[in-house]
Structures are given as C-alpha cells and as structure tokens.
C-alpha cells in the first residue's frame, strides 16, 4: 500500500508539473500576441502620422529623418504652439 501511495503522489506531481508548463507556454503565447499587436498599432500610428505630416507639409517628403525632427522641433518652439496643440487636443477629445 505504501508503494502505491508513493506512485500516486509522484503521478500527481508529474501532472502538476505538466499543467504548470502548459500554463507557462500559454502565458508566453499571450505575451507574444500582445507584443505583436502593440507593434502593429505603433506601425499604424507611425504610418498614419507620417502621411498627415506629408499631406500638411508636402516638402517633408524630401526631408530625411533628422530634417523632419528639426522641422518639428522648430514648429513646436513657435509662439503659441503649445497652446494650439493643447486646444486641438481638447477639441479632438470632445467629439
């Protein structure tokens, strides 16, 4: 009887270890899916915002990344830029 109890406990331990491994694999799968979705959302935002930039400032098409960055920094430093951005953000959130 004692040997059977030991085998039963060992079987339960093995089953528990398998369940833990399965749950860990499921967690990895879910985290990978989350990362993929976050990357897709970021890529979509970057494409969308780049398209808006080029639509508003067609000359941005010919700029490299550093030039676009310098251009946007210069725009952000114009008098009233922050207030306009905040107002636009508030107006956009109302609709």
N, C-alpha and C. Protein backbone atom coordinates (compact mmCIF):
# COMPACT_ATOMS: atom_id res chain seq x y z
N UNK A 1 0.82 -1.19 0.00
CA UNK A 1 0.00 0.00 0.00
C UNK A 1 0.87 1.26 0.00
N UNK A 2 1.94 1.23 0.73
CA UNK A 2 2.84 2.37 0.84
C UNK A 2 3.44 2.72 -0.52
N UNK A 3 3.85 1.72 -1.28
CA UNK A 3 4.42 1.93 -2.62
C UNK A 3 3.39 2.56 -3.56
N UNK A 4 2.14 2.14 -3.47
CA UNK A 4 1.07 2.68 -4.30
C UNK A 4 0.84 4.16 -3.99
N UNK A 5 0.91 4.52 -2.71
CA UNK A 5 0.74 5.92 -2.31
C UNK A 5 1.86 6.79 -2.87
N UNK A 6 3.06 6.27 -2.83
CA UNK A 6 4.22 7.00 -3.37
C UNK A 6 4.06 7.20 -4.87
N UNK A 7 3.62 6.17 -5.57
CA UNK A 7 3.40 6.27 -7.02
C UNK A 7 2.28 7.26 -7.34
N UNK A 8 1.24 7.26 -6.52
CA UNK A 8 0.13 8.19 -6.73
C UNK A 8 0.59 9.63 -6.54
N UNK A 9 1.39 9.85 -5.53
CA UNK A 9 1.93 11.19 -5.27
C UNK A 9 2.85 11.62 -6.42
N UNK A 10 3.67 10.70 -6.89
CA UNK A 10 4.58 11.00 -7.99
C UNK A 10 3.79 11.34 -9.26
N UNK A 11 2.72 10.61 -9.50
CA UNK A 11 1.88 10.87 -10.67
C UNK A 11 1.23 12.25 -10.56
N UNK A 12 0.77 12.61 -9.37
CA UNK A 12 0.17 13.93 -9.16
C UNK A 12 1.20 15.04 -9.37
N UNK A 13 2.41 14.80 -8.88
CA UNK A 13 3.48 15.78 -9.07
C UNK A 13 3.78 15.97 -10.55
N UNK A 14 3.85 14.86 -11.28
CA UNK A 14 4.13 14.92 -12.72
C UNK A 14 3.01 15.65 -13.45
N UNK A 15 1.77 15.34 -13.08
CA UNK A 15 0.63 16.00 -13.70
C UNK A 15 0.66 17.50 -13.40
N UNK A 16 0.98 17.85 -12.16
CA UNK A 16 1.08 19.26 -11.77
C UNK A 16 2.18 19.98 -12.55
N UNK A 17 3.31 19.33 -12.73
CA UNK A 17 4.42 19.92 -13.47
C UNK A 17 4.03 20.15 -14.93
N UNK A 18 3.30 19.21 -15.52
CA UNK A 18 2.84 19.37 -16.90
C UNK A 18 1.86 20.53 -17.02
N UNK A 19 0.96 20.64 -16.05
CA UNK A 19 -0.01 21.74 -16.08
C UNK A 19 0.70 23.09 -15.94
N UNK A 20 1.70 23.14 -15.08
CA UNK A 20 2.48 24.37 -14.91
C UNK A 20 3.18 24.73 -16.22
N UNK A 21 3.78 23.76 -16.87
CA UNK A 21 4.47 24.00 -18.14
C UNK A 21 3.49 24.49 -19.20
N UNK A 22 2.30 23.89 -19.25
CA UNK A 22 1.29 24.32 -20.21
C UNK A 22 0.85 25.76 -19.95
N UNK A 23 0.64 26.09 -18.69
CA UNK A 23 0.25 27.46 -18.35
C UNK A 23 1.35 28.46 -18.68
N UNK A 24 2.60 28.07 -18.45
CA UNK A 24 3.72 28.95 -18.80
C UNK A 24 3.80 29.16 -20.31
N UNK A 25 3.56 28.10 -21.08
CA UNK A 25 3.54 28.23 -22.54
C UNK A 25 2.40 29.12 -23.00
N UNK A 26 1.23 28.96 -22.39
CA UNK A 26 0.09 29.83 -22.73
C UNK A 26 0.41 31.28 -22.43
N UNK A 27 1.07 31.52 -21.30
CA UNK A 27 1.45 32.87 -20.94
C UNK A 27 2.41 33.46 -21.98
N UNK A 28 3.39 32.69 -22.41
CA UNK A 28 4.34 33.15 -23.43
C UNK A 28 3.61 33.48 -24.72
N UNK A 29 2.68 32.62 -25.12
CA UNK A 29 1.90 32.86 -26.35
C UNK A 29 1.12 34.16 -26.24
N UNK A 30 0.45 34.37 -25.10
CA UNK A 30 -0.33 35.59 -24.91
C UNK A 30 0.55 36.84 -24.89
N UNK A 31 1.70 36.75 -24.25
CA UNK A 31 2.61 37.89 -24.23
C UNK A 31 3.14 38.20 -25.63
N UNK A 32 3.44 37.16 -26.40
CA UNK A 32 3.88 37.37 -27.79
C UNK A 32 2.78 38.02 -28.62
N UNK A 33 1.55 37.56 -28.45
CA UNK A 33 0.44 38.17 -29.19
C UNK A 33 0.28 39.64 -28.81
N UNK A 34 0.41 39.93 -27.53
CA UNK A 34 0.30 41.31 -27.06
C UNK A 34 1.39 42.17 -27.69
N UNK A 35 2.62 41.69 -27.69
CA UNK A 35 3.73 42.44 -28.30
C UNK A 35 3.49 42.67 -29.79
N UNK A 36 3.01 41.66 -30.47
CA UNK A 36 2.73 41.79 -31.90
C UNK A 36 1.67 42.85 -32.14
N UNK A 37 0.60 42.82 -31.37
CA UNK A 37 -0.47 43.81 -31.52
C UNK A 37 0.03 45.22 -31.20
N UNK A 38 0.86 45.35 -30.18
CA UNK A 38 1.43 46.67 -29.84
C UNK A 38 2.31 47.18 -30.98
N UNK A 39 3.11 46.28 -31.59
CA UNK A 39 3.95 46.69 -32.72
C UNK A 39 3.10 47.10 -33.92
N UNK A 40 2.05 46.35 -34.18
CA UNK A 40 1.15 46.70 -35.30
C UNK A 40 0.50 48.05 -35.07
N UNK A 41 0.03 48.29 -33.84
CA UNK A 41 -0.62 49.56 -33.52
C UNK A 41 0.37 50.71 -33.67
N UNK A 42 1.61 50.50 -33.22
CA UNK A 42 2.63 51.55 -33.34
C UNK A 42 2.95 51.81 -34.80
N UNK A 43 3.11 50.76 -35.58
CA UNK A 43 3.40 50.92 -37.01
C UNK A 43 2.26 51.68 -37.69
N UNK A 44 1.04 51.34 -37.35
CA UNK A 44 -0.12 52.04 -37.93
C UNK A 44 -0.08 53.53 -37.58
N UNK A 45 0.20 53.84 -36.29
CA UNK A 45 0.28 55.24 -35.87
C UNK A 45 1.37 55.98 -36.63
N UNK A 46 2.54 55.34 -36.77
CA UNK A 46 3.65 55.99 -37.45
C UNK A 46 3.33 56.26 -38.92
N UNK A 47 2.73 55.28 -39.57
CA UNK A 47 2.35 55.46 -40.98
C UNK A 47 1.31 56.55 -41.11
N UNK A 48 0.30 56.51 -40.26
CA UNK A 48 -0.77 57.49 -40.32
C UNK A 48 -0.24 58.90 -40.07
N UNK A 49 0.58 59.05 -39.05
CA UNK A 49 1.10 60.37 -38.71
C UNK A 49 2.09 60.87 -39.76
N UNK A 50 2.85 59.98 -40.34
CA UNK A 50 3.74 60.37 -41.42
C UNK A 50 2.96 60.86 -42.63
N UNK A 51 1.86 60.19 -42.91
CA UNK A 51 1.01 60.60 -44.04
C UNK A 51 0.40 61.97 -43.78
N UNK A 52 -0.01 62.22 -42.55
CA UNK A 52 -0.58 63.52 -42.19
C UNK A 52 0.49 64.60 -42.34
N UNK A 53 1.69 64.33 -41.84
CA UNK A 53 2.78 65.28 -41.94
C UNK A 53 3.04 65.64 -43.40
N UNK A 54 3.11 64.63 -44.26
CA UNK A 54 3.38 64.87 -45.68
C UNK A 54 2.22 65.58 -46.37
N UNK A 55 0.99 65.32 -45.90
CA UNK A 55 -0.16 65.99 -46.50
C UNK A 55 -0.19 67.47 -46.13
N UNK A 56 0.17 67.78 -44.90
CA UNK A 56 0.15 69.17 -44.43
C UNK A 56 1.39 69.93 -44.92
N UNK A 57 2.52 69.24 -44.91
CA UNK A 57 3.79 69.85 -45.33
C UNK A 57 4.39 68.98 -46.45
N UNK A 58 3.96 69.18 -47.69
CA UNK A 58 4.45 68.35 -48.79
C UNK A 58 5.98 68.33 -48.91
N UNK A 59 6.64 69.39 -48.49
CA UNK A 59 8.10 69.41 -48.60
C UNK A 59 8.75 68.39 -47.66
N UNK A 60 8.00 67.89 -46.69
CA UNK A 60 8.54 66.89 -45.76
C UNK A 60 8.89 65.59 -46.48
N UNK A 61 8.29 65.36 -47.64
CA UNK A 61 8.57 64.15 -48.41
C UNK A 61 10.06 64.05 -48.75
N UNK A 62 10.66 65.18 -49.04
CA UNK A 62 12.07 65.20 -49.46
C UNK A 62 13.04 65.30 -48.28
N UNK A 63 12.52 65.41 -47.05
CA UNK A 63 13.39 65.54 -45.88
C UNK A 63 13.79 64.16 -45.35
N UNK A 64 15.00 64.10 -44.80
CA UNK A 64 15.36 62.87 -44.10
C UNK A 64 14.87 62.97 -42.66
N UNK A 65 15.08 61.93 -41.87
CA UNK A 65 14.55 61.87 -40.51
C UNK A 65 15.04 63.01 -39.63
N UNK A 66 16.31 63.32 -39.72
CA UNK A 66 16.88 64.40 -38.91
C UNK A 66 16.27 65.75 -39.29
N UNK A 67 16.06 65.96 -40.57
CA UNK A 67 15.47 67.23 -41.02
C UNK A 67 14.02 67.35 -40.56
N UNK A 68 13.27 66.26 -40.63
CA UNK A 68 11.89 66.28 -40.15
C UNK A 68 11.87 66.57 -38.65
N UNK A 69 12.76 65.93 -37.92
CA UNK A 69 12.83 66.16 -36.47
C UNK A 69 13.13 67.62 -36.18
N UNK A 70 14.12 68.19 -36.86
CA UNK A 70 14.49 69.60 -36.65
C UNK A 70 13.33 70.52 -37.02
N UNK A 71 12.63 70.20 -38.10
CA UNK A 71 11.48 70.98 -38.55
C UNK A 71 10.38 70.98 -37.49
N UNK A 72 10.07 69.80 -36.96
CA UNK A 72 9.01 69.70 -35.95
C UNK A 72 9.41 70.39 -34.65
N UNK A 73 10.66 70.29 -34.29
CA UNK A 73 11.14 70.98 -33.08
C UNK A 73 11.00 72.49 -33.29
N UNK A 74 11.40 72.97 -34.46
CA UNK A 74 11.27 74.41 -34.74
C UNK A 74 9.80 74.84 -34.69
N UNK A 75 8.91 74.03 -35.25
CA UNK A 75 7.47 74.35 -35.19
C UNK A 75 6.97 74.40 -33.76
N UNK A 76 7.44 73.47 -32.95
CA UNK A 76 6.97 73.39 -31.57
C UNK A 76 7.43 74.59 -30.75
N UNK A 77 8.46 75.27 -31.20
CA UNK A 77 9.00 76.43 -30.47
C UNK A 77 8.38 77.75 -30.90
N UNK A 78 7.53 77.73 -31.90
CA UNK A 78 6.87 78.97 -32.33
C UNK A 78 5.94 79.46 -31.23
N UNK A 79 5.81 80.78 -31.10
CA UNK A 79 4.90 81.31 -30.07
C UNK A 79 3.48 80.76 -30.24
N UNK A 80 2.93 80.28 -29.15
CA UNK A 80 1.55 79.78 -29.16
C UNK A 80 1.41 78.34 -29.60
N UNK A 81 2.50 77.67 -29.96
CA UNK A 81 2.42 76.29 -30.46
C UNK A 81 1.85 75.34 -29.41
N UNK A 82 2.32 75.45 -28.18
CA UNK A 82 1.84 74.56 -27.12
C UNK A 82 0.36 74.79 -26.84
N UNK A 83 -0.04 76.05 -26.79
CA UNK A 83 -1.44 76.37 -26.53
C UNK A 83 -2.34 75.83 -27.65
N UNK A 84 -1.87 75.98 -28.90
CA UNK A 84 -2.64 75.46 -30.03
C UNK A 84 -2.74 73.95 -29.98
N UNK A 85 -1.65 73.28 -29.63
CA UNK A 85 -1.66 71.82 -29.53
C UNK A 85 -2.62 71.37 -28.44
N UNK A 86 -2.59 72.03 -27.30
CA UNK A 86 -3.49 71.67 -26.19
C UNK A 86 -4.94 71.91 -26.58
N UNK A 87 -5.21 73.04 -27.24
CA UNK A 87 -6.58 73.36 -27.68
C UNK A 87 -7.07 72.32 -28.69
N UNK A 88 -6.20 71.96 -29.61
CA UNK A 88 -6.55 70.95 -30.61
C UNK A 88 -6.83 69.61 -29.96
N UNK A 89 -6.02 69.25 -28.98
CA UNK A 89 -6.21 68.00 -28.27
C UNK A 89 -7.54 68.00 -27.52
N UNK A 90 -7.86 69.10 -26.84
CA UNK A 90 -9.12 69.20 -26.13
C UNK A 90 -10.31 69.13 -27.07
N UNK A 91 -10.22 69.81 -28.20
CA UNK A 91 -11.30 69.79 -29.18
C UNK A 91 -11.48 68.41 -29.78
N UNK A 92 -10.38 67.72 -30.02
CA UNK A 92 -10.44 66.37 -30.58
C UNK A 92 -11.04 65.38 -29.63
N UNK A 93 -10.87 65.57 -28.34
CA UNK A 93 -11.40 64.64 -27.34
C UNK A 93 -12.88 64.86 -27.07
N UNK A 94 -13.41 66.01 -27.47
CA UNK A 94 -14.83 66.28 -27.23
C UNK A 94 -15.72 65.55 -28.20
N UNK A 95 -15.26 65.36 -29.43
CA UNK A 95 -16.09 64.78 -30.48
C UNK A 95 -16.07 63.32 -30.44
